[in-house]
Amino acid sequence: MAIRHEFEANSGYRFFKDGVSILLQAASRFRQGTIVTNKDLFHDFQRINKALQDMGAYDGERQGVSNLMTANHFPPHKGREFYKFLPERSLDYYNEGSFQFGSIQYYRSIEQQNSKDSMEGLSNLAIKTPRHLFGMSLASGYNFALFCGTSTLSRREQMSARFGPRIIRIANLQLFAQAVQSLLGAKKFYFNKVVYNDLKMFRIKTLKTVRLSRTEPPGNFDAQLIDEVIFDLLYGNSFLPSLFMKPTRFSIEEELRLVFEMPEDIPLPHVLIMKEKALLKHVEIIQ
């Protein structure tokens, strides 16, 4: 299926494949043979993200020194326990078997400031190809439903003050996720601990050819060159930084995140609400 694209003012090009989209906000190619250090990449992405903030692509966020991360920084989470802190009113919904799964767009605009993350879904990719190094800033994960919690009660007092005094515990996150996947009709689910990094920088290598311009040396960006191969490269490799990386101001949360990959982008109001009392067998109220 051909990749469709639309230009969004002050944001970038949104590319669609089978009902799923990614938003490419900025792209650059470094001169072949140039030695590019991690510090160089940090300053390059810092300038790009500051420009995106100034344009209104997302709210201003701190841009502290950030390491260049790889998939090795995201080891699989082997624990099974999951805790969620809630205000009193939300506990009533859970007691009725009502569960809410927000999209990245939902958490970018949520009114609750402790939960709002304007960089949700964003990532800055340093892509090394056989000939060139590319820098791409994009947003992805619009088709994922998120369920956020923590794997520890070590900061119980701070978390209670931040999110609410009531706590639910899911003893076996794997079994809970399997049940939710079936009910939602999700393609897959994943859970992992969140890594904290202000610029959400992520390095990948590929043997695939990447072209952003039809002329050499590079001229204007040509959106028609983003084909299925490049779409899949960006979609697949932005998964970890877009969904499991957050700015360092959230590090107190020590977040454990469960995400469900839906067949299509989650539409307005960018949240999935499911009421199923059978799920309560997985949930224990501990406070």
C-alpha atoms as a PDB file:
ATOM      1  CA  MET A   1       0.000   0.000   0.000  1.00  0.00           C
ATOM      2  CA  ALA A   2       1.306   3.447  -0.935  1.00  0.00           C
ATOM      3  CA  ILE A   3       2.275   5.828   1.844  1.00  0.00           C
ATOM      4  CA  ARG A   4       0.013   8.849   2.074  1.00  0.00           C
ATOM      5  CA  HIS A   5       1.184  12.150   3.552  1.00  0.00           C
ATOM      6  CA  GLU A   6      -0.234  15.474   4.704  1.00  0.00           C
ATOM      7  CA  PHE A   7       1.580  18.646   5.724  1.00  0.00           C
ATOM      8  CA  GLU A   8       0.612  20.056   9.124  1.00  0.00           C
ATOM      9  CA  ALA A   9       1.471  23.721   9.651  1.00  0.00           C
ATOM     10  CA  ASN A  10       4.082  24.354  12.362  1.00  0.00           C
ATOM     11  CA  SER A  11       4.405  20.609  12.974  1.00  0.00           C
ATOM     12  CA  GLY A  12       5.717  18.739   9.929  1.00  0.00           C
ATOM     13  CA  TYR A  13       4.671  15.985   7.542  1.00  0.00           C
ATOM     14  CA  ARG A  14       2.328  13.266   8.774  1.00  0.00           C
ATOM     15  CA  PHE A  15       2.753   9.959   6.948  1.00  0.00           C
ATOM     16  CA  PHE A  16       0.033   7.274   6.944  1.00  0.00           C
ATOM     17  CA  LYS A  17       0.231   3.541   6.383  1.00  0.00           C
ATOM     18  CA  ASP A  18      -2.827   1.310   6.897  1.00  0.00           C
ATOM     19  CA  GLY A  19      -4.473   3.730   9.332  1.00  0.00           C
ATOM     20  CA  VAL A  20      -1.299   4.293  11.386  1.00  0.00           C
ATOM     21  CA  SER A  21       0.631   7.562  11.266  1.00  0.00           C
ATOM     22  CA  ILE A  22       3.967   9.084  12.206  1.00  0.00           C
ATOM     23  CA  LEU A  23       4.725  12.819  12.244  1.00  0.00           C
ATOM     24  CA  LEU A  24       8.137  13.762  10.832  1.00  0.00           C
ATOM     25  CA  GLN A  25       8.969  17.196  12.219  1.00  0.00           C
ATOM     26  CA  ALA A  26      12.576  17.752  11.175  1.00  0.00           C
ATOM     27  CA  ALA A  27      15.252  15.887   9.249  1.00  0.00           C
ATOM     28  CA  SER A  28      18.895  16.507   8.449  1.00  0.00           C
ATOM     29  CA  ARG A  29      21.786  14.667   6.816  1.00  0.00           C
ATOM     30  CA  PHE A  30      25.370  15.064   7.929  1.00  0.00           C
ATOM     31  CA  ARG A  31      28.099  15.397   5.324  1.00  0.00           C
ATOM     32  CA  GLN A  32      29.621  12.042   4.393  1.00  0.00           C
ATOM     33  CA  GLY A  33      32.892  11.415   6.237  1.00  0.00           C
ATOM     34  CA  THR A  34      32.190  14.006   8.927  1.00  0.00           C
ATOM     35  CA  ILE A  35      33.010  12.911  12.460  1.00  0.00           C
ATOM     36  CA  VAL A  36      29.870  13.520  14.515  1.00  0.00           C
ATOM     37  CA  THR A  37      30.176  13.137  18.284  1.00  0.00           C
ATOM     38  CA  ASN A  38      27.366  12.511  20.756  1.00  0.00           C
ATOM     39  CA  LYS A  39      27.872  16.086  21.929  1.00  0.00           C
ATOM     40  CA  ASP A  40      27.370  17.315  18.349  1.00  0.00           C
ATOM     41  CA  LEU A  41      24.116  15.354  18.115  1.00  0.00           C
ATOM     42  CA  PHE A  42      22.925  16.751  21.436  1.00  0.00           C
ATOM     43  CA  HIS A  43      23.463  20.352  20.322  1.00  0.00           C
ATOM     44  CA  ASP A  44      21.894  19.663  16.912  1.00  0.00           C
ATOM     45  CA  PHE A  45      18.754  18.116  18.402  1.00  0.00           C
ATOM     46  CA  GLN A  46      18.665  20.798  21.093  1.00  0.00           C
ATOM     47  CA  ARG A  47      18.477  23.523  18.440  1.00  0.00           C
ATOM     48  CA  ILE A  48      15.854  21.615  16.449  1.00  0.00           C
ATOM     49  CA  ASN A  49      13.649  20.992  19.463  1.00  0.00           C
ATOM     50  CA  LYS A  50      13.947  24.593  20.617  1.00  0.00           C
ATOM     51  CA  ALA A  51      12.779  25.679  17.135  1.00  0.00           C
ATOM     52  CA  LEU A  52       9.832  23.247  17.317  1.00  0.00           C
ATOM     53  CA  GLN A  53       8.874  24.640  20.706  1.00  0.00           C
ATOM     54  CA  ASP A  54       9.079  28.203  19.391  1.00  0.00           C
ATOM     55  CA  MET A  55       6.779  27.243  16.499  1.00  0.00           C
ATOM     56  CA  GLY A  56       4.254  25.802  18.940  1.00  0.00           C
ATOM     57  CA  ALA A  57       4.705  22.153  17.934  1.00  0.00           C
ATOM     58  CA  TYR A  58       4.692  21.327  21.641  1.00  0.00           C
ATOM     59  CA  ASP A  59       5.009  23.127  24.973  1.00  0.00           C
ATOM     60  CA  GLY A  60       8.415  24.207  26.211  1.00  0.00           C
ATOM     61  CA  GLU A  61      10.339  21.541  28.117  1.00  0.00           C
ATOM     62  CA  ARG A  62      13.692  21.522  29.864  1.00  0.00           C
ATOM     63  CA  GLN A  63      16.498  20.471  27.526  1.00  0.00           C
ATOM     64  CA  GLY A  64      19.172  19.292  29.923  1.00  0.00           C
ATOM     65  CA  VAL A  65      22.230  17.264  28.953  1.00  0.00           C
ATOM     66  CA  SER A  66      20.963  13.972  27.520  1.00  0.00           C
ATOM     67  CA  ASN A  67      22.810  10.764  26.732  1.00  0.00           C
ATOM     68  CA  LEU A  68      22.446   9.086  23.354  1.00  0.00           C
ATOM     69  CA  MET A  69      20.488   5.928  24.149  1.00  0.00           C
ATOM     70  CA  THR A  70      20.251   2.584  22.352  1.00  0.00           C
ATOM     71  CA  ALA A  71      18.038  -0.483  22.681  1.00  0.00           C
ATOM     72  CA  ASN A  72      20.539  -1.834  25.224  1.00  0.00           C
ATOM     73  CA  HIS A  73      19.292   0.776  27.699  1.00  0.00           C
ATOM     74  CA  PHE A  74      15.850  -0.888  27.676  1.00  0.00           C
ATOM     75  CA  PRO A  75      16.333  -4.412  29.049  1.00  0.00           C
ATOM     76  CA  PRO A  76      13.120  -6.469  29.212  1.00  0.00           C
ATOM     77  CA  HIS A  77      11.246  -6.009  32.479  1.00  0.00           C
ATOM     78  CA  LYS A  78      10.996  -9.378  34.198  1.00  0.00           C
ATOM     79  CA  GLY A  79       8.874  -8.386  37.174  1.00  0.00           C
ATOM     80  CA  ARG A  80       5.149  -9.078  37.313  1.00  0.00           C
ATOM     81  CA  GLU A  81       3.834  -6.624  39.930  1.00  0.00           C
ATOM     82  CA  PHE A  82       2.290  -3.323  38.866  1.00  0.00           C
ATOM     83  CA  TYR A  83       1.020  -0.525  41.130  1.00  0.00           C
ATOM     84  CA  LYS A  84      -1.123   2.460  40.255  1.00  0.00           C
ATOM     85  CA  PHE A  85      -1.758   5.494  42.499  1.00  0.00           C
ATOM     86  CA  LEU A  86      -5.234   7.003  42.198  1.00  0.00           C
ATOM     87  CA  PRO A  87      -7.395   9.799  43.586  1.00  0.00           C
ATOM     88  CA  GLU A  88     -10.438   8.657  45.545  1.00  0.00           C
ATOM     89  CA  ARG A  89     -12.876   9.368  42.699  1.00  0.00           C
ATOM     90  CA  SER A  90     -10.944   7.170  40.250  1.00  0.00           C
ATOM     91  CA  LEU A  91     -11.042   4.200  42.584  1.00  0.00           C
ATOM     92  CA  ASP A  92     -14.818   4.125  42.232  1.00  0.00           C
ATOM     93  CA  TYR A  93     -14.443   3.591  38.480  1.00  0.00           C
ATOM     94  CA  TYR A  94     -12.020   0.710  38.976  1.00  0.00           C
ATOM     95  CA  ASN A  95     -14.392  -0.909  41.458  1.00  0.00           C
ATOM     96  CA  GLU A  96     -16.967  -0.926  38.639  1.00  0.00           C
ATOM     97  CA  GLY A  97     -14.490  -2.617  36.304  1.00  0.00           C
ATOM     98  CA  SER A  98     -13.836   0.553  34.301  1.00  0.00           C
ATOM     99  CA  PHE A  99     -10.311   0.890  32.882  1.00  0.00           C
ATOM    100  CA  GLN A 100      -8.920   3.815  30.878  1.00  0.00           C
ATOM    101  CA  PHE A 101      -6.079   3.639  28.366  1.00  0.00           C
ATOM    102  CA  GLY A 102      -4.781   6.963  27.063  1.00  0.00           C
ATOM    103  CA  SER A 103      -2.952   7.629  23.794  1.00  0.00           C
ATOM    104  CA  ILE A 104       0.159   9.775  23.449  1.00  0.00           C
ATOM    105  CA  GLN A 105      -2.077  12.603  22.231  1.00  0.00           C
ATOM    106  CA  TYR A 106      -4.192  12.275  25.371  1.00  0.00           C
ATOM    107  CA  TYR A 107      -1.194  12.644  27.694  1.00  0.00           C
ATOM    108  CA  ARG A 108       0.152  15.580  25.691  1.00  0.00           C
ATOM    109  CA  SER A 109      -3.002  17.589  26.390  1.00  0.00           C
ATOM    110  CA  ILE A 110      -4.318  16.194  29.687  1.00  0.00           C
ATOM    111  CA  GLU A 111      -5.359  18.862  32.194  1.00  0.00           C
ATOM    112  CA  GLN A 112      -3.712  17.154  35.169  1.00  0.00           C
ATOM    113  CA  GLN A 113      -0.285  18.796  35.202  1.00  0.00           C
ATOM    114  CA  ASN A 114       1.433  15.961  37.080  1.00  0.00           C
ATOM    115  CA  SER A 115       0.555  13.612  34.223  1.00  0.00           C
ATOM    116  CA  LYS A 116       0.842  15.991  31.257  1.00  0.00           C
ATOM    117  CA  ASP A 117       3.911  15.425  29.076  1.00  0.00           C
ATOM    118  CA  SER A 118       4.038  17.636  26.005  1.00  0.00           C
ATOM    119  CA  MET A 119       6.878  15.484  24.593  1.00  0.00           C
ATOM    120  CA  GLU A 120       4.872  12.263  24.788  1.00  0.00           C
ATOM    121  CA  GLY A 121       5.491  10.270  21.624  1.00  0.00           C
ATOM    122  CA  LEU A 122       8.400  12.415  20.455  1.00  0.00           C
ATOM    123  CA  SER A 123      11.843  11.045  19.673  1.00  0.00           C
ATOM    124  CA  ASN A 124      15.114  12.274  18.212  1.00  0.00           C
ATOM    125  CA  LEU A 125      16.703   9.534  16.112  1.00  0.00           C
ATOM    126  CA  ALA A 126      20.351   9.424  15.051  1.00  0.00           C
ATOM    127  CA  ILE A 127      20.210   6.978  12.124  1.00  0.00           C
ATOM    128  CA  LYS A 128      23.511   5.568  10.820  1.00  0.00           C
ATOM    129  CA  THR A 129      23.248   4.187   7.291  1.00  0.00           C
ATOM    130  CA  PRO A 130      26.121   2.693   5.233  1.00  0.00           C
ATOM    131  CA  ARG A 131      26.813   6.094   3.657  1.00  0.00           C
ATOM    132  CA  HIS A 132      25.400   8.819   5.899  1.00  0.00           C
ATOM    133  CA  LEU A 133      24.272   9.812   9.358  1.00  0.00           C
ATOM    134  CA  PHE A 134      20.763  11.281   9.568  1.00  0.00           C
ATOM    135  CA  GLY A 135      19.091  13.165  12.375  1.00  0.00           C
ATOM    136  CA  MET A 136      15.292  12.903  12.475  1.00  0.00           C
ATOM    137  CA  SER A 137      12.871  14.395  14.992  1.00  0.00           C
ATOM    138  CA  LEU A 138       9.440  12.804  14.892  1.00  0.00           C
ATOM    139  CA  ALA A 139       6.389  11.760  16.864  1.00  0.00           C
ATOM    140  CA  SER A 140       4.971   8.246  16.729  1.00  0.00           C
ATOM    141  CA  GLY A 141       2.850   5.906  18.813  1.00  0.00           C
ATOM    142  CA  TYR A 142      -0.517   7.436  17.903  1.00  0.00           C
ATOM    143  CA  ASN A 143      -1.950   3.904  17.651  1.00  0.00           C
ATOM    144  CA  PHE A 144      -0.851   2.816  21.134  1.00  0.00           C
ATOM    145  CA  ALA A 145      -3.046   2.719  24.240  1.00  0.00           C
ATOM    146  CA  LEU A 146      -1.071   3.395  27.433  1.00  0.00           C
ATOM    147  CA  PHE A 147      -1.586   2.172  30.998  1.00  0.00           C
ATOM    148  CA  CYS A 148       0.866   3.851  33.370  1.00  0.00           C
ATOM    149  CA  GLY A 149       1.975   2.794  36.823  1.00  0.00           C
ATOM    150  CA  THR A 150       5.070   1.759  38.758  1.00  0.00           C
ATOM    151  CA  SER A 151       6.791  -1.432  39.847  1.00  0.00           C
ATOM    152  CA  THR A 152       7.743  -0.159  43.293  1.00  0.00           C
ATOM    153  CA  LEU A 153       6.276   1.500  46.386  1.00  0.00           C
ATOM    154  CA  SER A 154       9.634   2.937  47.429  1.00  0.00           C
ATOM    155  CA  ARG A 155       8.353   6.504  46.960  1.00  0.00           C
ATOM    156  CA  ARG A 156       4.899   5.898  48.303  1.00  0.00           C
ATOM    157  CA  GLU A 157       4.535   9.252  50.051  1.00  0.00           C
ATOM    158  CA  GLN A 158       5.657  11.338  47.056  1.00  0.00           C
ATOM    159  CA  MET A 159       3.581   9.338  44.594  1.00  0.00           C
ATOM    160  CA  SER A 160       0.485   9.586  46.788  1.00  0.00           C
ATOM    161  CA  ALA A 161       0.861  13.357  46.935  1.00  0.00           C
ATOM    162  CA  ARG A 162       1.399  13.503  43.173  1.00  0.00           C
ATOM    163  CA  PHE A 163      -1.359  11.201  41.911  1.00  0.00           C
ATOM    164  CA  GLY A 164      -3.636  10.282  44.791  1.00  0.00           C
ATOM    165  CA  PRO A 165      -3.631   8.279  48.025  1.00  0.00           C
ATOM    166  CA  ARG A 166      -5.369   5.124  46.802  1.00  0.00           C
ATOM    167  CA  ILE A 167      -3.303   2.271  45.383  1.00  0.00           C
ATOM    168  CA  ILE A 168      -4.250  -0.717  43.274  1.00  0.00           C
ATOM    169  CA  ARG A 169      -1.964  -3.679  42.672  1.00  0.00           C
ATOM    170  CA  ILE A 170      -1.892  -6.019  39.702  1.00  0.00           C
ATOM    171  CA  ALA A 171      -0.061  -9.128  40.848  1.00  0.00           C
ATOM    172  CA  ASN A 172       0.582 -10.568  37.390  1.00  0.00           C
ATOM    173  CA  LEU A 173       0.885  -7.911  34.718  1.00  0.00           C
ATOM    174  CA  GLN A 174       1.366 -10.501  31.971  1.00  0.00           C
ATOM    175  CA  LEU A 175      -1.994 -12.166  32.623  1.00  0.00           C
ATOM    176  CA  PHE A 176      -3.755  -8.806  32.955  1.00  0.00           C
ATOM    177  CA  ALA A 177      -2.221  -7.604  29.678  1.00  0.00           C
ATOM    178  CA  GLN A 178      -3.292 -10.754  27.848  1.00  0.00           C
ATOM    179  CA  ALA A 179      -6.877 -10.286  29.022  1.00  0.00           C
ATOM    180  CA  VAL A 180      -6.929  -6.609  28.014  1.00  0.00           C
ATOM    181  CA  GLN A 181      -5.359  -7.364  24.625  1.00  0.00           C
ATOM    182  CA  SER A 182      -8.190  -9.744  23.812  1.00  0.00           C
ATOM    183  CA  LEU A 183     -10.867  -7.297  24.939  1.00  0.00           C
ATOM    184  CA  LEU A 184      -9.369  -4.310  23.102  1.00  0.00           C
ATOM    185  CA  GLY A 185      -8.546  -6.220  19.927  1.00  0.00           C
ATOM    186  CA  ALA A 186      -4.933  -5.058  20.172  1.00  0.00           C
ATOM    187  CA  LYS A 187      -2.283  -6.546  17.890  1.00  0.00           C
ATOM    188  CA  LYS A 188       0.359  -6.823  20.623  1.00  0.00           C
ATOM    189  CA  PHE A 189       1.235  -5.542  24.057  1.00  0.00           C
ATOM    190  CA  TYR A 190       4.540  -4.525  25.620  1.00  0.00           C
ATOM    191  CA  PHE A 191       5.592  -3.459  29.085  1.00  0.00           C
ATOM    192  CA  ASN A 192       8.829  -1.976  30.294  1.00  0.00           C
ATOM    193  CA  LYS A 193      10.286   0.554  32.670  1.00  0.00           C
ATOM    194  CA  VAL A 194      10.546   4.137  31.406  1.00  0.00           C
ATOM    195  CA  VAL A 195      14.000   5.636  30.781  1.00  0.00           C
ATOM    196  CA  TYR A 196      14.407   9.356  31.598  1.00  0.00           C
ATOM    197  CA  ASN A 197      16.138  11.575  29.053  1.00  0.00           C
ATOM    198  CA  ASP A 198      15.259  15.200  28.306  1.00  0.00           C
ATOM    199  CA  LEU A 199      15.893  15.152  24.551  1.00  0.00           C
ATOM    200  CA  LYS A 200      14.826  11.522  24.052  1.00  0.00           C
ATOM    201  CA  MET A 201      17.831  10.825  21.814  1.00  0.00           C
ATOM    202  CA  PHE A 202      18.117   7.329  20.367  1.00  0.00           C
ATOM    203  CA  ARG A 203      20.770   5.803  18.078  1.00  0.00           C
ATOM    204  CA  ILE A 204      20.123   3.117  15.474  1.00  0.00           C
ATOM    205  CA  LYS A 205      22.021   1.516  12.600  1.00  0.00           C
ATOM    206  CA  THR A 206      20.513   0.226   9.372  1.00  0.00           C
ATOM    207  CA  LEU A 207      21.718  -1.257   6.100  1.00  0.00           C
ATOM    208  CA  LYS A 208      18.758   0.331   4.327  1.00  0.00           C
ATOM    209  CA  THR A 209      19.218   3.266   1.970  1.00  0.00           C
ATOM    210  CA  VAL A 210      17.668   6.499   3.177  1.00  0.00           C
ATOM    211  CA  ARG A 211      17.001   9.382   0.789  1.00  0.00           C
ATOM    212  CA  LEU A 212      15.276  12.625   1.675  1.00  0.00           C
ATOM    213  CA  SER A 213      16.046  14.593  -1.503  1.00  0.00           C
ATOM    214  CA  ARG A 214      16.154  13.731  -5.206  1.00  0.00           C
ATOM    215  CA  THR A 215      19.277  15.817  -5.830  1.00  0.00           C
ATOM    216  CA  GLU A 216      22.895  15.415  -4.731  1.00  0.00           C
ATOM    217  CA  PRO A 217      24.132  17.378  -2.839  1.00  0.00           C
ATOM    218  CA  PRO A 218      20.799  17.330  -1.005  1.00  0.00           C
ATOM    219  CA  GLY A 219      18.227  19.885  -2.011  1.00  0.00           C
ATOM    220  CA  ASN A 220      14.710  20.359  -0.687  1.00  0.00           C
ATOM    221  CA  PHE A 221      13.049  17.602   1.296  1.00  0.00           C
ATOM    222  CA  ASP A 222      10.799  15.424  -0.879  1.00  0.00           C
ATOM    223  CA  ALA A 223       7.986  13.759   1.062  1.00  0.00           C
ATOM    224  CA  GLN A 224       7.390  11.324  -1.820  1.00  0.00           C
ATOM    225  CA  LEU A 225      10.659   9.578  -0.927  1.00  0.00           C
ATOM    226  CA  ILE A 226       9.232   8.313   2.366  1.00  0.00           C
ATOM    227  CA  ASP A 227       8.135   4.892   1.155  1.00  0.00           C
ATOM    228  CA  GLU A 228       7.013   1.775   3.070  1.00  0.00           C
ATOM    229  CA  VAL A 229      10.599   0.789   3.846  1.00  0.00           C
ATOM    230  CA  ILE A 230      11.452   4.169   5.395  1.00  0.00           C
ATOM    231  CA  PHE A 231       8.080   4.366   7.150  1.00  0.00           C
ATOM    232  CA  ASP A 232       8.665   0.971   8.771  1.00  0.00           C
ATOM    233  CA  LEU A 233      12.219   1.993   9.713  1.00  0.00           C
ATOM    234  CA  LEU A 234      10.991   5.132  11.497  1.00  0.00           C
ATOM    235  CA  TYR A 235       7.918   3.507  13.036  1.00  0.00           C
ATOM    236  CA  GLY A 236       9.804   0.477  14.350  1.00  0.00           C
ATOM    237  CA  ASN A 237      12.857   2.299  15.681  1.00  0.00           C
ATOM    238  CA  SER A 238      11.017   5.186  17.321  1.00  0.00           C
ATOM    239  CA  PHE A 239       9.010   2.700  19.421  1.00  0.00           C
ATOM    240  CA  LEU A 240      11.298   2.717  22.487  1.00  0.00           C
ATOM    241  CA  PRO A 241      12.128   6.451  22.721  1.00  0.00           C
ATOM    242  CA  SER A 242       8.605   7.548  21.781  1.00  0.00           C
ATOM    243  CA  LEU A 243       6.760   5.290  24.242  1.00  0.00           C
ATOM    244  CA  PHE A 244       9.281   4.353  26.939  1.00  0.00           C
ATOM    245  CA  MET A 245      11.324   7.541  27.337  1.00  0.00           C
ATOM    246  CA  LYS A 246      10.277  10.695  29.211  1.00  0.00           C
ATOM    247  CA  PRO A 247      11.918  13.965  30.356  1.00  0.00           C
ATOM    248  CA  THR A 248      13.938  13.750  33.571  1.00  0.00           C
ATOM    249  CA  ARG A 249      11.440  15.853  35.537  1.00  0.00           C
ATOM    250  CA  PHE A 250       9.245  12.719  35.654  1.00  0.00           C
ATOM    251  CA  SER A 251      11.989  10.463  37.070  1.00  0.00           C
ATOM    252  CA  ILE A 252      10.450  10.437  40.552  1.00  0.00           C
ATOM    253  CA  GLU A 253       7.684   8.241  39.120  1.00  0.00           C
ATOM    254  CA  GLU A 254       9.960   5.259  38.339  1.00  0.00           C
ATOM    255  CA  GLU A 255       7.275   4.432  35.800  1.00  0.00           C
ATOM    256  CA  LEU A 256       6.385   0.992  34.583  1.00  0.00           C
ATOM    257  CA  ARG A 257       4.335   1.342  31.408  1.00  0.00           C
ATOM    258  CA  LEU A 258       2.059  -1.131  29.651  1.00  0.00           C
ATOM    259  CA  VAL A 259       1.205  -0.298  26.029  1.00  0.00           C
ATOM    260  CA  PHE A 260      -1.176  -1.921  23.551  1.00  0.00           C
ATOM    261  CA  GLU A 261      -0.549  -1.673  19.809  1.00  0.00           C
ATOM    262  CA  MET A 262      -3.862  -0.981  18.106  1.00  0.00           C
ATOM    263  CA  PRO A 263      -4.499  -1.580  14.373  1.00  0.00           C
ATOM    264  CA  GLU A 264      -5.134   2.141  13.749  1.00  0.00           C
ATOM    265  CA  ASP A 265      -4.490   5.515  15.357  1.00  0.00           C
ATOM    266  CA  ILE A 266      -6.691   6.155  18.387  1.00  0.00           C
ATOM    267  CA  PRO A 267      -9.296   8.782  17.409  1.00  0.00           C
ATOM    268  CA  LEU A 268     -10.768  11.596  19.479  1.00  0.00           C
ATOM    269  CA  PRO A 269     -10.995  11.839  22.450  1.00  0.00           C
ATOM    270  CA  HIS A 270      -7.668   9.927  22.168  1.00  0.00           C
ATOM    271  CA  VAL A 271      -8.524   7.524  24.966  1.00  0.00           C
ATOM    272  CA  LEU A 272     -10.009   4.022  25.151  1.00  0.00           C
ATOM    273  CA  ILE A 273     -12.367   3.276  28.042  1.00  0.00           C
ATOM    274  CA  MET A 274     -13.315  -0.320  28.726  1.00  0.00           C
ATOM    275  CA  LYS A 275     -15.757  -1.590  31.332  1.00  0.00           C
ATOM    276  CA  GLU A 276     -15.223  -5.238  32.101  1.00  0.00           C
ATOM    277  CA  LYS A 277     -15.677  -6.578  35.634  1.00  0.00           C
ATOM    278  CA  ALA A 278     -13.884  -9.806  34.715  1.00  0.00           C
ATOM    279  CA  LEU A 279     -10.639  -7.806  34.849  1.00  0.00           C
ATOM    280  CA  LEU A 280     -11.133  -7.161  38.566  1.00  0.00           C
ATOM    281  CA  LYS A 281      -9.824 -10.644  39.367  1.00  0.00           C
ATOM    282  CA  HIS A 282      -6.381  -9.277  38.458  1.00  0.00           C
ATOM    283  CA  VAL A 283      -6.701  -6.178  40.667  1.00  0.00           C
ATOM    284  CA  GLU A 284      -6.236  -5.784  44.418  1.00  0.00           C
ATOM    285  CA  ILE A 285      -6.900  -2.567  46.343  1.00  0.00           C
ATOM    286  CA  ILE A 286      -4.063  -2.273  48.845  1.00  0.00           C
ATOM    287  CA  GLN A 287      -4.831   1.220  50.163  1.00  0.00           C
END
